[in-house]
N, C-alpha and C. Protein backbone atom coordinates (compact mmCIF):
# COMPACT_ATOMS: atom_id res chain seq x y z
N MET A 1 142.13 61.34 87.45
CA MET A 1 142.89 60.12 88.98
C MET A 1 142.52 60.52 89.83
N ILE A 2 143.75 61.73 89.90
CA ILE A 2 143.89 62.28 91.93
C ILE A 2 142.71 62.03 92.77
N ASN A 3 141.22 63.14 91.43
CA ASN A 3 140.33 62.82 92.56
C ASN A 3 139.71 61.56 92.84
N GLU A 4 139.58 60.59 92.06
CA GLU A 4 139.61 58.97 92.82
C GLU A 4 139.81 58.29 94.12
N ARG A 5 141.74 58.56 93.60
CA ARG A 5 142.52 58.28 94.45
C ARG A 5 142.21 59.25 95.87
N LEU A 6 141.98 60.31 95.83
CA LEU A 6 141.32 61.14 96.68
C LEU A 6 140.09 60.84 97.62
N GLU A 7 138.85 60.43 97.22
CA GLU A 7 137.93 60.12 97.12
C GLU A 7 137.81 58.96 97.73
N ARG A 8 138.50 57.52 97.11
CA ARG A 8 138.75 56.02 97.59
C ARG A 8 139.52 56.79 99.48
N SER A 9 140.50 57.60 99.57
CA SER A 9 140.82 57.89 100.44
C SER A 9 139.89 58.27 101.82
N VAL A 10 139.29 59.28 101.37
CA VAL A 10 138.11 59.26 102.02
C VAL A 10 137.29 58.02 102.48
N VAL A 11 136.73 57.32 101.50
CA VAL A 11 135.87 56.09 101.81
C VAL A 11 136.28 55.55 102.52
N THR A 12 137.68 55.43 102.53
CA THR A 12 138.52 53.98 103.58
C THR A 12 138.91 54.58 104.32
N SER A 13 138.57 55.89 105.03
CA SER A 13 138.86 56.81 106.02
C SER A 13 137.90 56.22 107.05
N PHE A 14 136.31 56.52 106.23
CA PHE A 14 134.92 56.18 106.62
C PHE A 14 134.58 55.30 107.25
N GLY A 15 134.93 54.54 106.50
CA GLY A 15 135.08 53.05 106.56
C GLY A 15 135.37 52.36 107.50
N THR A 16 136.87 53.11 107.59
CA THR A 16 137.24 52.71 109.23
C THR A 16 136.82 53.04 110.42
N ARG A 17 136.39 54.20 110.28
CA ARG A 17 135.89 54.76 111.34
C ARG A 17 134.77 54.26 112.07
N ILE A 18 133.37 53.74 111.08
CA ILE A 18 132.46 53.65 110.79
C ILE A 18 132.30 52.42 111.51
N GLN A 19 133.64 51.14 111.11
CA GLN A 19 133.66 50.05 111.64
C GLN A 19 134.09 49.91 113.38
N LYS A 20 134.63 51.15 114.09
CA LYS A 20 135.55 51.42 115.07
C LYS A 20 133.65 51.46 115.74
N ILE A 21 133.38 52.52 114.87
CA ILE A 21 131.92 52.72 115.75
C ILE A 21 130.90 51.47 116.16
N ALA A 22 131.11 50.16 115.37
CA ALA A 22 130.17 49.55 115.00
C ALA A 22 131.00 48.47 115.83
N LYS A 23 131.93 48.10 116.20
CA LYS A 23 132.85 47.32 117.41
C LYS A 23 132.91 48.21 118.69
N LEU A 24 132.40 48.89 118.65
CA LEU A 24 132.29 49.81 120.20
C LEU A 24 130.72 49.20 120.71
N ILE A 25 129.94 48.92 119.07
CA ILE A 25 128.79 48.95 119.87
C ILE A 25 128.44 47.11 120.13
N GLY A 26 129.17 46.07 119.59
CA GLY A 26 128.59 44.89 119.81
C GLY A 26 129.99 43.94 118.59
N GLY A 27 130.21 44.76 117.97
CA GLY A 27 130.93 43.95 116.98
C GLY A 27 132.45 43.20 117.83
N LYS A 28 133.09 42.54 117.11
CA LYS A 28 134.68 42.63 117.41
C LYS A 28 135.62 42.25 115.75
N GLY A 29 136.93 42.48 115.60
CA GLY A 29 137.37 42.18 114.76
C GLY A 29 136.98 40.57 114.48
N THR A 30 137.61 40.52 112.93
CA THR A 30 137.08 39.26 112.37
C THR A 30 139.10 38.36 112.35
N GLY A 31 139.37 39.26 111.64
CA GLY A 31 140.52 38.00 111.56
C GLY A 31 140.93 37.22 110.60
N VAL A 32 139.08 37.54 109.38
CA VAL A 32 138.18 36.99 107.99
C VAL A 32 138.47 37.44 107.11
N GLU A 33 139.25 37.46 105.89
CA GLU A 33 139.53 38.50 104.87
C GLU A 33 137.77 38.51 103.71
N GLY A 34 137.71 39.76 104.02
CA GLY A 34 136.44 39.88 103.64
C GLY A 34 135.29 40.30 104.66
N GLY A 35 135.67 40.07 106.53
CA GLY A 35 134.42 39.95 107.39
C GLY A 35 134.83 41.10 107.98
N ASP A 36 134.31 42.14 107.68
CA ASP A 36 134.82 43.50 108.89
C ASP A 36 134.84 43.10 110.32
N ILE A 37 133.52 43.33 110.77
CA ILE A 37 133.47 42.02 112.65
C ILE A 37 132.69 41.19 112.28
N PHE A 38 132.60 41.31 113.30
CA PHE A 38 132.12 39.76 113.20
C PHE A 38 131.01 39.78 114.98
N ILE A 39 129.86 39.29 114.98
CA ILE A 39 129.29 39.31 116.35
C ILE A 39 128.83 37.36 116.71
N GLU A 40 128.50 37.82 118.19
CA GLU A 40 128.03 36.44 118.28
C GLU A 40 126.18 35.82 118.74
N LYS A 41 126.00 35.77 118.15
CA LYS A 41 124.22 35.80 119.02
C LYS A 41 123.34 34.37 119.04
N LYS A 42 123.26 34.22 120.03
CA LYS A 42 122.27 32.86 120.38
C LYS A 42 123.47 31.37 119.78
N GLY A 43 124.47 31.69 120.59
CA GLY A 43 125.68 30.55 120.22
C GLY A 43 126.33 30.49 118.44
N ARG A 44 125.34 31.72 117.41
CA ARG A 44 125.96 31.63 116.61
C ARG A 44 126.82 32.41 116.34
N ARG A 45 127.72 32.40 115.11
CA ARG A 45 128.97 33.73 114.74
C ARG A 45 128.25 34.23 113.33
N TYR A 46 128.27 35.37 113.59
CA TYR A 46 127.33 36.42 112.15
C TYR A 46 129.04 36.98 111.71
N TYR A 47 129.75 36.28 110.45
CA TYR A 47 131.28 37.34 109.67
C TYR A 47 130.23 38.44 109.07
N ILE A 48 130.93 40.43 109.02
CA ILE A 48 129.76 41.02 108.32
C ILE A 48 130.49 41.77 107.80
N GLN A 49 130.18 42.01 106.70
CA GLN A 49 131.20 43.17 105.70
C GLN A 49 129.99 43.77 105.96
N MET A 50 130.85 44.87 105.70
CA MET A 50 130.59 46.23 105.70
C MET A 50 130.73 47.06 104.97
N LYS A 51 129.07 47.54 104.50
CA LYS A 51 129.12 48.68 103.67
C LYS A 51 128.35 50.40 103.98
N ALA A 52 128.84 51.26 103.31
CA ALA A 52 128.01 52.78 104.15
C ALA A 52 126.43 52.72 103.79
N GLY A 53 126.43 52.60 102.55
CA GLY A 53 124.38 52.42 101.81
C GLY A 53 124.21 51.38 101.32
N PRO A 54 122.88 51.24 100.86
CA PRO A 54 122.19 50.49 99.56
C PRO A 54 123.11 50.97 98.17
N ASN A 55 123.88 51.45 97.71
CA ASN A 55 123.99 51.83 96.33
C ASN A 55 125.48 51.66 96.39
N THR A 56 126.30 51.15 97.39
CA THR A 56 127.68 51.36 97.62
C THR A 56 128.45 50.09 96.72
N PRO A 57 127.75 48.82 96.67
CA PRO A 57 128.81 47.81 96.32
C PRO A 57 128.48 47.64 94.56
N ASN A 58 129.19 47.36 93.44
CA ASN A 58 128.99 47.30 92.40
C ASN A 58 129.17 45.17 92.30
N LYS A 59 128.74 45.05 90.96
CA LYS A 59 128.09 43.16 90.79
C LYS A 59 129.71 43.40 91.06
N ASP A 60 130.68 43.25 90.75
CA ASP A 60 132.23 42.75 90.75
C ASP A 60 132.15 42.70 92.30
N LEU A 61 131.71 43.79 93.75
CA LEU A 61 132.61 43.95 94.56
C LEU A 61 131.38 42.81 94.95
N VAL A 62 129.69 42.88 94.80
CA VAL A 62 129.48 41.99 95.35
C VAL A 62 129.73 40.42 95.44
N GLU A 63 129.81 39.93 94.37
CA GLU A 63 130.32 38.48 94.10
C GLU A 63 131.19 38.38 94.48
N MET A 64 132.53 38.87 94.92
CA MET A 64 133.69 38.47 95.76
C MET A 64 133.44 38.73 97.15
N ILE A 65 132.42 39.93 98.02
CA ILE A 65 132.04 39.71 99.27
C ILE A 65 131.37 38.66 99.62
N ASN A 66 130.37 38.13 98.71
CA ASN A 66 129.88 36.52 98.73
C ASN A 66 131.21 35.42 98.45
N LYS A 67 132.01 35.08 97.80
CA LYS A 67 133.19 34.77 98.08
C LYS A 67 133.61 34.01 99.03
N LEU A 68 134.28 35.93 99.69
CA LEU A 68 134.85 35.94 100.96
C LEU A 68 133.93 35.17 101.81
N LEU A 69 133.05 35.71 101.92
CA LEU A 69 131.85 35.66 103.00
C LEU A 69 131.64 34.07 103.41
N LEU A 70 131.21 33.50 102.35
CA LEU A 70 131.05 32.55 102.07
C LEU A 70 131.60 30.95 102.23
N SER A 71 133.30 31.91 101.94
CA SER A 71 135.03 30.91 102.35
C SER A 71 134.16 30.70 103.74
N ALA A 72 133.99 31.64 104.54
CA ALA A 72 134.32 31.91 106.39
C ALA A 72 134.05 30.52 106.73
N THR A 73 132.40 30.92 106.12
CA THR A 73 131.26 30.23 106.98
C THR A 73 131.59 28.98 106.56
N ARG A 74 132.14 28.58 105.35
CA ARG A 74 132.13 26.96 105.24
C ARG A 74 133.70 26.61 105.70
N ARG A 75 134.04 27.25 106.39
CA ARG A 75 136.08 27.18 107.42
C ARG A 75 135.25 27.14 108.93
N ASN A 76 134.27 28.00 109.23
CA ASN A 76 133.51 27.98 110.71
C ASN A 76 132.20 27.30 110.56
N ALA A 77 132.41 25.99 111.03
CA ALA A 77 130.64 25.35 110.52
C ALA A 77 129.52 25.90 111.47
N GLY A 78 128.59 26.44 110.98
CA GLY A 78 127.06 27.31 111.90
C GLY A 78 127.69 29.12 111.65
N SER A 79 128.42 29.38 110.90
CA SER A 79 128.66 30.75 111.28
C SER A 79 127.83 31.21 109.87
N ILE A 80 127.50 32.45 109.60
CA ILE A 80 126.67 33.03 109.23
C ILE A 80 127.26 34.29 108.23
N ALA A 81 127.06 34.42 107.02
CA ALA A 81 128.01 35.66 106.37
C ALA A 81 126.60 35.91 106.42
N LEU A 82 127.08 37.83 106.12
CA LEU A 82 125.81 38.64 106.19
C LEU A 82 127.13 39.88 105.68
N LEU A 83 126.11 40.57 105.11
CA LEU A 83 126.22 41.93 104.25
C LEU A 83 125.73 43.09 105.44
N GLY A 84 125.95 44.02 106.31
CA GLY A 84 125.72 45.70 106.45
C GLY A 84 125.95 46.40 106.25
N MET A 85 124.58 47.26 105.97
CA MET A 85 124.27 49.09 105.38
C MET A 85 124.62 49.58 106.31
N THR A 86 125.26 50.27 106.34
CA THR A 86 125.06 51.55 107.97
C THR A 86 123.63 52.96 107.47
N TYR A 87 123.16 52.83 106.60
CA TYR A 87 121.58 54.10 106.62
C TYR A 87 121.48 53.06 105.42
N GLY A 88 120.26 53.51 105.71
CA GLY A 88 118.70 53.52 104.02
C GLY A 88 117.68 52.70 105.13
N ASN A 89 117.04 51.91 104.07
CA ASN A 89 116.06 50.94 104.44
C ASN A 89 115.60 49.60 103.64
N LYS A 90 115.24 48.97 103.37
CA LYS A 90 114.96 47.70 102.60
C LYS A 90 114.32 48.21 101.53
N GLN A 91 113.78 49.42 100.89
CA GLN A 91 113.06 50.14 99.91
C GLN A 91 114.85 50.55 99.48
N LYS A 92 115.32 50.93 99.40
CA LYS A 92 116.23 51.21 98.60
C LYS A 92 117.79 50.11 98.28
N VAL A 93 117.60 49.66 99.17
CA VAL A 93 118.65 48.54 98.92
C VAL A 93 118.63 48.84 97.37
N SER A 94 120.07 48.34 96.06
CA SER A 94 120.60 48.38 94.75
C SER A 94 120.06 47.13 94.41
N GLY A 95 119.51 47.40 93.25
CA GLY A 95 119.00 45.60 92.35
C GLY A 95 120.60 45.21 92.49
N ILE A 96 121.02 45.66 92.22
CA ILE A 96 122.79 44.91 92.58
C ILE A 96 123.29 44.24 93.38
N ILE A 97 122.73 44.56 94.62
CA ILE A 97 122.64 43.90 95.39
C ILE A 97 121.72 42.77 95.94
N ARG A 98 120.56 43.25 95.44
CA ARG A 98 119.29 42.07 95.53
C ARG A 98 119.88 41.23 94.60
N ARG A 99 120.09 41.00 93.26
CA ARG A 99 120.35 39.81 92.41
C ARG A 99 121.46 39.32 92.75
N TYR A 100 122.57 39.99 93.26
CA TYR A 100 124.09 39.17 93.48
C TYR A 100 124.09 38.84 94.19
N SER A 101 123.91 39.17 95.98
CA SER A 101 123.74 38.80 96.85
C SER A 101 123.23 37.63 97.15
N GLN A 102 124.29 36.93 97.65
CA GLN A 102 123.66 35.39 98.11
C GLN A 102 124.05 34.87 99.39
N ILE A 103 124.26 35.90 100.39
CA ILE A 103 124.16 36.22 101.89
C ILE A 103 123.58 37.41 102.09
N ASP A 104 122.76 36.97 103.05
CA ASP A 104 121.98 37.91 104.07
C ASP A 104 122.07 39.14 103.95
N TRP A 105 121.22 40.15 104.29
CA TRP A 105 121.52 41.78 104.62
C TRP A 105 120.78 42.25 105.54
N LYS A 106 121.78 42.97 106.28
CA LYS A 106 121.00 44.33 106.75
C LYS A 106 120.91 45.62 106.44
N ILE A 107 119.74 46.22 106.55
CA ILE A 107 120.20 47.78 106.71
C ILE A 107 119.76 48.55 107.49
N GLY A 108 120.64 49.87 107.61
CA GLY A 108 120.11 51.08 109.09
C GLY A 108 119.64 50.42 110.21
N ARG A 109 119.62 50.85 110.31
CA ARG A 109 118.45 50.53 111.98
C ARG A 109 118.28 48.63 111.97
N GLU A 110 117.82 48.21 111.52
CA GLU A 110 118.12 46.64 111.50
C GLU A 110 119.43 46.81 111.49
N PHE A 111 120.28 47.04 110.88
CA PHE A 111 121.89 46.47 110.96
C PHE A 111 122.64 47.15 112.48
N TRP A 112 122.27 47.84 112.46
CA TRP A 112 122.70 48.85 114.19
C TRP A 112 122.42 47.86 114.78
N GLU A 113 120.83 47.48 115.25
CA GLU A 113 120.14 46.51 115.97
C GLU A 113 120.44 45.37 116.25
N PHE A 114 120.93 44.92 115.27
CA PHE A 114 120.88 43.71 115.47
C PHE A 114 122.57 43.20 115.96
N ILE A 115 123.43 44.48 114.86
CA ILE A 115 124.97 44.32 116.46
C ILE A 115 124.78 44.24 117.62
N GLY A 116 123.63 45.77 117.79
CA GLY A 116 123.75 46.32 119.38
C GLY A 116 122.17 46.21 119.48
N ASN A 117 121.81 46.81 120.22
CA ASN A 117 120.27 46.20 120.67
C ASN A 117 119.15 47.26 120.36
N LYS A 118 118.30 46.85 120.82
CA LYS A 118 117.04 48.24 120.12
C LYS A 118 117.58 49.62 121.16
N GLY A 119 117.07 50.34 120.07
CA GLY A 119 117.32 51.75 120.76
C GLY A 119 118.88 52.16 120.67
N ILE A 120 119.33 51.85 119.82
CA ILE A 120 121.21 51.59 119.61
C ILE A 120 121.18 53.75 119.23
N ALA A 121 120.43 54.28 119.18
CA ALA A 121 120.63 55.59 118.73
C ALA A 121 120.97 56.22 119.54
N GLN A 122 120.23 56.13 120.84
CA GLN A 122 121.15 56.74 121.99
C GLN A 122 122.39 56.26 122.47
N GLU A 123 122.70 54.90 121.88
CA GLU A 123 123.87 54.36 122.46
C GLU A 123 125.25 54.76 121.45
N ILE A 124 124.73 55.38 120.68
CA ILE A 124 125.35 56.27 119.67
C ILE A 124 126.25 56.94 120.54
N TYR A 125 125.37 58.49 120.94
CA TYR A 125 125.78 59.39 121.84
C TYR A 125 126.54 58.93 122.81
N LYS A 126 126.74 57.64 123.29
CA LYS A 126 127.47 57.56 124.92
C LYS A 126 129.00 58.11 124.29
N PRO A 127 129.78 58.69 125.33
CA PRO A 127 130.43 59.22 125.47
C PRO A 127 131.59 59.09 124.99
N GLU A 128 132.26 57.76 125.24
CA GLU A 128 133.26 57.47 124.58
C GLU A 128 133.20 56.86 122.69
N LEU A 129 131.44 57.57 121.99
CA LEU A 129 131.41 57.78 120.80
C LEU A 129 131.46 58.79 120.35
N ARG A 130 131.06 59.92 120.80
CA ARG A 130 131.13 61.28 120.32
C ARG A 130 132.58 61.17 119.69
N ASN A 131 133.83 61.68 120.23
CA ASN A 131 134.69 61.78 119.79
C ASN A 131 134.90 61.29 117.97
N ILE A 132 134.87 60.02 118.15
CA ILE A 132 134.80 59.32 116.86
C ILE A 132 133.87 59.57 115.76
N TRP A 133 132.40 59.93 116.08
CA TRP A 133 131.94 60.38 115.52
C TRP A 133 131.87 62.27 115.26
N GLN A 134 132.77 62.32 115.52
CA GLN A 134 132.90 63.86 115.07
C GLN A 134 134.07 63.83 114.44
N GLN A 135 135.63 62.91 114.22
CA GLN A 135 135.95 62.82 113.02
C GLN A 135 135.08 61.93 111.81
N VAL A 136 134.16 61.01 112.16
CA VAL A 136 133.80 60.71 110.68
C VAL A 136 132.56 61.84 109.80
N CYS A 137 132.98 63.35 111.04
CA CYS A 137 131.57 63.95 110.20
C CYS A 137 132.20 64.91 110.12
N ILE A 138 133.66 65.29 109.94
CA ILE A 138 134.43 66.38 109.15
C ILE A 138 134.64 66.81 108.58
N LYS A 139 134.05 66.06 107.33
CA LYS A 139 134.03 66.26 105.41
C LYS A 139 132.48 66.32 105.47
N ALA A 140 132.28 67.11 105.09
CA ALA A 140 130.94 67.83 104.84
C ALA A 140 129.67 66.92 104.38
N PHE A 141 130.05 65.73 102.97
CA PHE A 141 129.43 64.58 102.50
C PHE A 141 129.26 63.46 104.07
N THR A 142 130.01 63.35 105.02
CA THR A 142 130.08 62.52 106.17
C THR A 142 128.99 63.31 106.92
N LYS A 143 128.65 64.42 107.10
CA LYS A 143 127.51 64.77 107.92
C LYS A 143 125.79 64.05 107.76
N SER A 144 126.13 64.43 106.32
CA SER A 144 124.35 64.85 105.73
C SER A 144 124.38 62.71 105.61
N LEU A 145 126.13 61.37 105.51
CA LEU A 145 125.52 60.47 105.68
C LEU A 145 124.98 60.02 107.63
N PHE A 146 126.23 60.80 108.15
CA PHE A 146 125.82 60.96 109.84
C PHE A 146 124.12 60.80 109.81
N LEU A 147 123.34 62.11 109.07
CA LEU A 147 121.87 62.08 109.31
C LEU A 147 121.14 61.23 108.57
N CYS A 148 121.79 60.47 107.61
CA CYS A 148 121.32 58.98 106.76
C CYS A 148 121.01 58.04 108.39
N ILE A 149 122.52 57.84 108.54
CA ILE A 149 122.48 57.02 109.34
C ILE A 149 121.36 56.71 110.86
N LEU A 150 121.13 58.29 111.33
CA LEU A 150 120.49 58.54 112.22
C LEU A 150 118.68 58.68 111.59
N LYS A 151 118.46 59.22 110.47
CA LYS A 151 117.37 59.23 110.06
C LYS A 151 116.31 58.31 110.61
N ASP A 152 116.42 56.62 111.06
CA ASP A 152 114.99 56.27 111.05
C ASP A 152 114.78 55.86 112.45
N TYR A 153 115.62 56.80 112.99
CA TYR A 153 115.60 56.41 114.44
C TYR A 153 114.23 57.52 115.44
């Protein structure tokens, strides 16, 4: 039980930090339950729930994300719900997401370039992001996760 709490704390801490990076790259805070960030493109607002990778959510979590983000899009006509996974590629996306997600999703490079611009890998090394990445990579497992995020670049 202690291990689960510690693990959840580390994952939550990582999630908070990766959201800060996403906001620096192009996202904004949503104020919408279920949405970690939002972006506006071509006059459309995208509410995005961020997950670390392609195997993170279980069925119940995917269904909750569907419910919350689809509710947000109903309240804001013309908006779009999106699940954003910070690393991996389409072939790595879990069967749970493929089967149960009712919203579109983007993963890895596609996700980062959607919220930012093409060539975002170079942006990640901007001076204002270095300190955040350094904090994110303090734990050994996040160092390998950081490498996964950049692997496709």
